[in-house]
């Protein structure tokens, strides 16, 4: 049996030395040292040996097992090192080559305009108020002096979800909700309401079924039309230049009385008339007015004591006028040739 162990050792060591890869080496480990291997079979036969032979064969068996194990371990280390060298040779990286430029995104033009407007009004003491885009008919229309059946509802072709819920057609519902919840012990209402609105409209160069609005609301004691005019003058000069003048024309909105449309003097021609202002010297920019007493009453505010003004403008229109964008669809189609022209470098983005 001692001769058998020596022969097994020589056979195993030779096979291990000739192993070509780790998979073959693992197979040899199982073959010679596994539970069904020759070493195990020899150990099972030791019970048949005499008391004198058993210690000698046991010692030799342990010696052979250790020798084969060490040889397998040495071979495994050598094969792993060879594989690593081959991998490094095949995956060599030339660190002197220029790196791949990572293109960073930037704030969208529309977001830039909205932020600019928000920052301006926050600096004037306004707060930003938000509300749901899926709105109740009551807040979208009725609380704004547009009861069911009112003809002015036809001006805002709406996406109704149920009879009493719809995608909001304006951000005015945020104003109604704010007035309803406000306690004048905390001071006057002074908010702007930026957000998305939805109307069933055919998309073209100047219209979209989804767009953004920023509406403003101030309600308190002794708020007058002159406060509204002063606010709109500041807005025009901050957004379009200090040389801008404003013109207010009578108009109609169900939730304000009196109501006005505001024009600004053309920034392209200075008022002399050009293609941008269609030869008039003026550009229409927003609608505004004094909050209708009925709207105040429906929100639980006493119109004999409190008054206020409201205004609304579209950031898309501001962006198109300010940056000479000729098609509103450019603001939504994510064409990099367009968006890259308005990278917000001052924001570090």
Protein backbone atom coordinates (compact mmCIF):
# COMPACT_ATOMS: atom_id res chain seq x y z
CA UNK A 1 0.00 0.00 0.00
CA UNK A 2 2.98 2.29 0.58
CA UNK A 3 4.04 1.68 -3.02
CA UNK A 4 0.50 2.50 -4.14
CA UNK A 5 0.60 5.82 -2.28
CA UNK A 6 3.98 6.76 -3.83
CA UNK A 7 2.73 5.95 -7.33
CA UNK A 8 -0.43 8.00 -6.70
CA UNK A 9 1.66 10.94 -5.54
CA UNK A 10 3.85 10.90 -8.65
CA UNK A 11 0.82 10.58 -10.93
CA UNK A 12 -1.04 13.44 -9.26
CA UNK A 13 1.95 15.81 -9.20
CA UNK A 14 2.66 15.17 -12.89
CA UNK A 15 -0.98 15.82 -13.81
CA UNK A 16 -1.04 19.03 -11.76
CA UNK A 17 2.13 20.31 -13.42
CA UNK A 18 0.57 19.77 -16.84
CA UNK A 19 -2.77 21.49 -15.99
CA UNK A 20 -3.47 24.22 -18.56
CA UNK A 21 -6.01 26.31 -16.67
CA UNK A 22 -7.85 26.75 -13.38
CA UNK A 23 -10.82 24.69 -14.53
CA UNK A 24 -8.65 21.68 -15.29
CA UNK A 25 -6.77 22.17 -12.01
CA UNK A 26 -10.00 22.13 -10.04
CA UNK A 27 -11.00 18.90 -11.76
CA UNK A 28 -7.70 17.33 -10.66
CA UNK A 29 -8.31 18.51 -7.08
CA UNK A 30 -11.66 16.68 -7.08
CA UNK A 31 -10.19 13.63 -8.81
CA UNK A 32 -7.34 13.02 -6.37
CA UNK A 33 -8.52 14.60 -3.12
CA UNK A 34 -12.32 14.40 -3.44
CA UNK A 35 -14.61 12.08 -1.47
CA UNK A 36 -14.61 9.53 -4.32
CA UNK A 37 -10.93 9.89 -5.14
CA UNK A 38 -8.10 7.30 -4.72
CA UNK A 39 -6.83 8.88 -1.51
CA UNK A 40 -10.22 8.29 0.13
CA UNK A 41 -10.32 4.70 -1.13
CA UNK A 42 -6.91 3.97 0.34
CA UNK A 43 -7.90 5.42 3.68
CA UNK A 44 -10.97 3.14 3.73
CA UNK A 45 -8.72 0.09 3.40
CA UNK A 46 -6.57 0.94 6.42
CA UNK A 47 -8.88 -1.04 8.69
CA UNK A 48 -7.60 -4.24 7.05
CA UNK A 49 -3.96 -3.49 7.94
CA UNK A 50 -2.06 -4.91 10.90
CA UNK A 51 -1.30 -2.81 13.93
CA UNK A 52 2.29 -2.43 12.76
CA UNK A 53 1.43 -1.33 9.20
CA UNK A 54 -1.43 1.04 10.06
CA UNK A 55 0.71 3.91 11.54
CA UNK A 56 3.17 3.76 8.65
CA UNK A 57 0.50 3.83 5.99
CA UNK A 58 -1.45 6.58 7.83
CA UNK A 59 1.64 8.78 8.07
CA UNK A 60 2.45 8.20 4.40
CA UNK A 61 -1.15 8.96 3.36
CA UNK A 62 -1.10 12.28 5.20
CA UNK A 63 2.26 13.12 3.64
CA UNK A 64 0.97 12.35 0.12
CA UNK A 65 -2.26 14.35 0.69
CA UNK A 66 -0.26 17.34 1.92
CA UNK A 67 2.16 17.10 -0.99
CA UNK A 68 -0.61 16.99 -3.58
CA UNK A 69 -2.50 19.86 -1.88
CA UNK A 70 0.59 22.08 -1.78
CA UNK A 71 1.35 21.30 -5.42
CA UNK A 72 -2.21 22.20 -6.42
CA UNK A 73 -2.02 25.46 -4.44
CA UNK A 74 1.30 26.42 -6.04
CA UNK A 75 -0.09 25.64 -9.49
CA UNK A 76 -3.26 27.67 -8.79
CA UNK A 77 -1.17 30.69 -7.78
CA UNK A 78 0.92 30.39 -10.93
CA UNK A 79 -2.15 30.08 -13.19
CA UNK A 80 -3.88 33.07 -11.54
CA UNK A 81 -0.79 35.22 -12.00
CA UNK A 82 -0.56 34.15 -15.65
CA UNK A 83 -4.23 35.03 -16.21
CA UNK A 84 -3.73 38.44 -14.59
CA UNK A 85 -0.68 39.19 -16.76
CA UNK A 86 -2.63 38.22 -19.87
CA UNK A 87 -5.58 40.39 -18.83
CA UNK A 88 -3.32 43.37 -18.19
CA UNK A 89 -1.69 42.91 -21.59
CA UNK A 90 -5.06 42.73 -23.34
CA UNK A 91 -6.61 45.62 -21.39
CA UNK A 92 -3.74 48.06 -21.46
CA UNK A 93 -4.94 51.66 -21.12
CA UNK A 94 -3.00 54.49 -22.66
CA UNK A 95 -3.27 57.12 -19.93
CA UNK A 96 -1.78 59.73 -22.25
CA UNK A 97 -4.87 59.70 -24.53
CA UNK A 98 -7.28 62.63 -24.05
CA UNK A 99 -10.33 61.84 -21.92
CA UNK A 100 -13.92 61.67 -23.16
CA UNK A 101 -15.67 64.97 -22.54
CA UNK A 102 -18.73 64.70 -20.31
CA UNK A 103 -21.45 67.02 -21.54
CA UNK A 104 -23.32 68.65 -18.67
CA UNK A 105 -26.92 69.75 -18.86
CA UNK A 106 -28.15 73.25 -18.21
CA UNK A 107 -31.30 74.91 -16.93
CA UNK A 108 -33.95 75.10 -19.66
CA UNK A 109 -34.74 78.56 -21.03
CA UNK A 110 -38.30 78.39 -19.71
CA UNK A 111 -37.06 77.43 -16.23
CA UNK A 112 -34.59 80.32 -16.36
CA UNK A 113 -37.38 82.79 -17.12
CA UNK A 114 -39.58 81.38 -14.35
CA UNK A 115 -36.71 81.59 -11.86
CA UNK A 116 -35.96 85.16 -12.90
CA UNK A 117 -39.60 86.13 -12.36
CA UNK A 118 -39.75 84.29 -9.03
CA UNK A 119 -36.56 85.95 -7.80
CA UNK A 120 -37.88 89.37 -8.79
CA UNK A 121 -41.17 88.95 -6.94
CA UNK A 122 -39.56 87.33 -3.89
CA UNK A 123 -37.38 90.44 -3.72
CA UNK A 124 -40.59 92.49 -3.64
CA UNK A 125 -41.92 90.53 -0.66
CA UNK A 126 -44.07 87.97 -2.46
CA UNK A 127 -44.31 84.29 -1.52
CA UNK A 128 -44.57 81.38 -3.95
CA UNK A 129 -47.82 79.42 -3.68
CA UNK A 130 -48.59 76.12 -5.38
CA UNK A 131 -51.69 73.98 -5.90
CA UNK A 132 -52.91 70.78 -7.60
CA UNK A 133 -52.86 70.45 -11.38
CA UNK A 134 -55.91 68.17 -11.22
CA UNK A 135 -58.38 70.70 -9.86
CA UNK A 136 -62.00 70.92 -8.75
CA UNK A 137 -64.40 72.76 -11.03
CA UNK A 138 -65.34 74.94 -8.06
CA UNK A 139 -61.87 76.40 -7.59
CA UNK A 140 -61.03 76.54 -11.29
CA UNK A 141 -64.23 78.38 -12.25
CA UNK A 142 -66.98 78.96 -9.68
CA UNK A 143 -64.81 80.55 -6.95
CA UNK A 144 -63.48 82.89 -9.64
CA UNK A 145 -66.92 84.24 -10.55
CA UNK A 146 -67.45 81.76 -13.39
CA UNK A 147 -70.57 79.78 -12.44
CA UNK A 148 -71.73 76.79 -14.48
CA UNK A 149 -73.09 77.95 -17.82
CA UNK A 150 -71.08 81.20 -17.82
CA UNK A 151 -70.14 82.06 -21.45
CA UNK A 152 -66.56 82.93 -20.47
CA UNK A 153 -65.96 79.25 -19.75
CA UNK A 154 -65.97 78.69 -23.51
CA UNK A 155 -62.79 80.78 -23.73
CA UNK A 156 -60.96 78.01 -21.85
CA UNK A 157 -61.70 74.70 -23.60
CA UNK A 158 -60.96 72.30 -20.75
CA UNK A 159 -59.79 68.74 -20.18
CA UNK A 160 -62.49 67.34 -17.88
CA UNK A 161 -61.79 64.12 -15.97
CA UNK A 162 -65.18 63.89 -14.26
CA UNK A 163 -68.07 66.32 -14.09
CA UNK A 164 -66.42 68.15 -11.20
CA UNK A 165 -62.68 67.60 -11.79
CA UNK A 166 -60.45 68.76 -14.61
CA UNK A 167 -56.89 69.65 -15.51
CA UNK A 168 -56.62 73.25 -14.37
CA UNK A 169 -56.88 75.81 -17.16
CA UNK A 170 -55.11 78.54 -15.17
CA UNK A 171 -53.19 78.95 -11.91
CA UNK A 172 -55.94 81.20 -10.52
CA UNK A 173 -57.36 78.32 -8.42
CA UNK A 174 -54.25 78.63 -6.25
CA UNK A 175 -55.28 82.23 -5.54
CA UNK A 176 -58.81 81.12 -4.60
CA UNK A 177 -57.47 78.44 -2.25
CA UNK A 178 -55.02 80.90 -0.69
CA UNK A 179 -57.71 83.53 -0.07
CA UNK A 180 -60.03 80.91 1.41
CA UNK A 181 -57.40 79.78 3.94
CA UNK A 182 -55.74 83.11 4.73
CA UNK A 183 -55.93 84.83 8.12
CA UNK A 184 -55.28 88.57 7.82
CA UNK A 185 -53.89 88.55 11.36
CA UNK A 186 -50.75 87.31 9.59
CA UNK A 187 -50.69 90.30 7.23
CA UNK A 188 -51.90 90.81 3.65
CA UNK A 189 -51.86 88.21 0.91
CA UNK A 190 -48.92 88.66 -1.42
CA UNK A 191 -48.25 85.64 -3.62
CA UNK A 192 -47.28 84.47 -7.09
CA UNK A 193 -48.49 81.14 -8.43
CA UNK A 194 -46.23 79.55 -11.08
CA UNK A 195 -47.22 76.24 -12.65
CA UNK A 196 -48.42 74.20 -15.61
CA UNK A 197 -51.90 74.63 -17.05
CA UNK A 198 -53.83 72.70 -19.69
CA UNK A 199 -56.30 73.66 -22.40
CA UNK A 200 -57.69 71.82 -25.41
CA UNK A 201 -55.88 73.80 -28.06
CA UNK A 202 -54.27 72.93 -31.36
CA UNK A 203 -50.49 73.12 -31.13
CA UNK A 204 -48.97 75.65 -33.52
CA UNK A 205 -46.26 78.32 -33.52
CA UNK A 206 -47.97 80.35 -30.78
CA UNK A 207 -50.28 77.87 -28.99
CA UNK A 208 -49.85 74.69 -26.96
CA UNK A 209 -52.24 72.36 -25.12
CA UNK A 210 -49.88 72.52 -22.13
CA UNK A 211 -48.11 75.69 -21.06
CA UNK A 212 -47.07 77.60 -17.95
CA UNK A 213 -48.50 80.59 -16.15
CA UNK A 214 -47.39 82.87 -13.36
CA UNK A 215 -50.22 84.67 -11.66
CA UNK A 216 -49.85 87.22 -8.90
CA UNK A 217 -52.25 88.25 -6.14
CA UNK A 218 -52.15 90.98 -3.52
CA UNK A 219 -55.06 91.42 -1.08
CA UNK A 220 -55.09 93.67 1.94
CA UNK A 221 -56.44 96.94 3.24
CA UNK A 222 -56.26 100.02 0.99
CA UNK A 223 -54.84 98.20 -2.04
CA UNK A 224 -55.51 100.40 -5.08
CA UNK A 225 -55.18 100.34 -8.85
CA UNK A 226 -52.09 102.55 -8.56
CA UNK A 227 -50.39 99.72 -6.60
CA UNK A 228 -51.13 97.40 -9.52
CA UNK A 229 -49.75 99.87 -12.07
CA UNK A 230 -46.58 100.37 -10.07
CA UNK A 231 -46.05 96.62 -9.78
CA UNK A 232 -46.56 96.08 -13.51
CA UNK A 233 -44.16 98.91 -14.33
CA UNK A 234 -41.45 97.30 -12.22
CA UNK A 235 -42.14 93.94 -13.90
CA UNK A 236 -41.78 95.42 -17.39
CA UNK A 237 -38.57 97.27 -16.64
CA UNK A 238 -36.93 94.37 -14.81
CA UNK A 239 -37.72 91.81 -17.51
CA UNK A 240 -37.35 93.92 -20.67
CA UNK A 241 -35.12 96.86 -19.74
CA UNK A 242 -35.35 100.15 -17.88
CA UNK A 243 -36.41 102.03 -21.01
CA UNK A 244 -39.70 100.15 -21.21
CA UNK A 245 -42.99 101.98 -20.84
CA UNK A 246 -46.33 100.34 -20.16
CA UNK A 247 -49.80 100.95 -21.55
CA UNK A 248 -52.99 99.72 -19.89
CA UNK A 249 -56.06 99.05 -22.05
CA UNK A 250 -59.56 98.29 -20.70
CA UNK A 251 -60.50 94.62 -20.95
CA UNK A 252 -62.78 92.03 -19.35
CA UNK A 253 -62.04 89.13 -17.00
CA UNK A 254 -64.81 87.65 -14.84
CA UNK A 255 -62.62 87.60 -11.71
CA UNK A 256 -61.37 91.20 -11.87
CA UNK A 257 -63.13 94.56 -12.11
CA UNK A 258 -61.87 96.83 -13.56
CA UNK A 259 -59.74 94.64 -15.86
CA UNK A 260 -56.89 95.65 -18.15
CA UNK A 261 -54.52 94.30 -20.77
CA UNK A 262 -50.96 95.53 -20.41
CA UNK A 263 -48.71 96.40 -23.34
CA UNK A 264 -45.03 97.28 -23.16
CA UNK A 265 -43.21 99.61 -25.51
CA UNK A 266 -41.42 97.57 -28.16
CA UNK A 267 -37.87 96.76 -27.10
CA UNK A 268 -36.85 96.07 -30.70
CA UNK A 269 -37.72 99.47 -32.19
CA UNK A 270 -38.22 101.62 -29.11
CA UNK A 271 -41.82 102.32 -30.09
CA UNK A 272 -41.33 103.53 -33.66
CA UNK A 273 -42.88 100.42 -35.19
CA UNK A 274 -41.30 97.21 -36.54
CA UNK A 275 -41.99 93.57 -37.41
CA UNK A 276 -41.86 92.47 -33.75
CA UNK A 277 -44.62 94.88 -32.65
CA UNK A 278 -46.44 94.66 -36.00
CA UNK A 279 -45.86 98.36 -36.59
CA UNK A 280 -47.78 99.51 -33.49
CA UNK A 281 -44.82 100.27 -31.20
CA UNK A 282 -46.47 98.18 -28.45
CA UNK A 283 -46.43 94.49 -27.46
CA UNK A 284 -49.22 92.85 -25.47
CA UNK A 285 -47.77 91.03 -22.48
CA UNK A 286 -50.35 90.20 -19.77
CA UNK A 287 -53.79 90.67 -18.26
CA UNK A 288 -54.56 92.14 -14.84
CA UNK A 289 -57.15 93.96 -12.76
CA UNK A 290 -58.61 94.59 -9.32
CA UNK A 291 -60.00 91.46 -7.66
CA UNK A 292 -63.76 91.30 -8.17
CA UNK A 293 -65.71 91.85 -4.90
CA UNK A 294 -67.70 88.69 -5.65
CA UNK A 295 -64.47 86.65 -5.72
CA UNK A 296 -63.46 88.10 -2.36
CA UNK A 297 -66.88 87.27 -0.90
CA UNK A 298 -66.77 83.66 -2.12
CA UNK A 299 -63.42 83.24 -0.35
CA UNK A 300 -64.83 84.61 2.89
CA UNK A 301 -63.15 88.03 2.62
CA UNK A 302 -65.07 91.23 3.37
CA UNK A 303 -64.83 93.40 0.19
CA UNK A 304 -65.87 96.49 2.15
CA UNK A 305 -62.67 96.24 4.16
CA UNK A 306 -60.21 94.47 1.87
CA UNK A 307 -59.30 94.97 -1.76
CA UNK A 308 -56.65 93.57 -4.04
CA UNK A 309 -55.24 93.15 -7.51
CA UNK A 310 -54.28 90.16 -9.63
CA UNK A 311 -52.29 89.67 -12.79
CA UNK A 312 -51.23 86.76 -14.97
CA UNK A 313 -48.58 86.25 -17.60
CA UNK A 314 -47.13 83.37 -19.57
CA UNK A 315 -43.41 82.65 -19.13
CA UNK A 316 -43.41 81.22 -22.67
CA UNK A 317 -44.50 84.58 -24.06
CA UNK A 318 -41.90 86.39 -21.97
CA UNK A 319 -39.20 83.99 -23.20
CA UNK A 320 -40.31 84.31 -26.83
CA UNK A 321 -40.34 88.10 -26.71
CA UNK A 322 -37.18 88.52 -24.67
CA UNK A 323 -35.07 86.05 -26.67
CA UNK A 324 -36.73 86.37 -30.12
CA UNK A 325 -38.04 82.78 -30.16
CA UNK A 326 -40.35 82.50 -33.17
CA UNK A 327 -42.09 79.20 -32.33
CA UNK A 328 -43.41 78.10 -28.93
CA UNK A 329 -42.75 74.47 -29.89
CA UNK A 330 -39.00 75.12 -29.62
CA UNK A 331 -39.53 75.32 -25.86
CA UNK A 332 -40.86 71.74 -25.69
CA UNK A 333 -39.18 69.67 -28.41
CA UNK A 334 -35.81 69.36 -26.59
CA UNK A 335 -33.75 70.16 -29.68
CA UNK A 336 -30.21 70.64 -28.37
CA UNK A 337 -29.43 73.06 -31.18
CA UNK A 338 -32.01 75.34 -29.59
CA UNK A 339 -31.52 74.68 -25.87
CA UNK A 340 -27.72 74.99 -26.04
CA UNK A 341 -28.09 78.61 -27.11
CA UNK A 342 -29.45 79.46 -23.67
CA UNK A 343 -27.02 77.68 -21.33
CA UNK A 344 -27.33 79.10 -17.81
CA UNK A 345 -23.62 79.81 -17.40
CA UNK A 346 -24.19 82.27 -14.59
CA UNK A 347 -25.68 79.40 -12.55
CA UNK A 348 -22.62 77.22 -13.00
CA UNK A 349 -24.64 74.52 -14.74
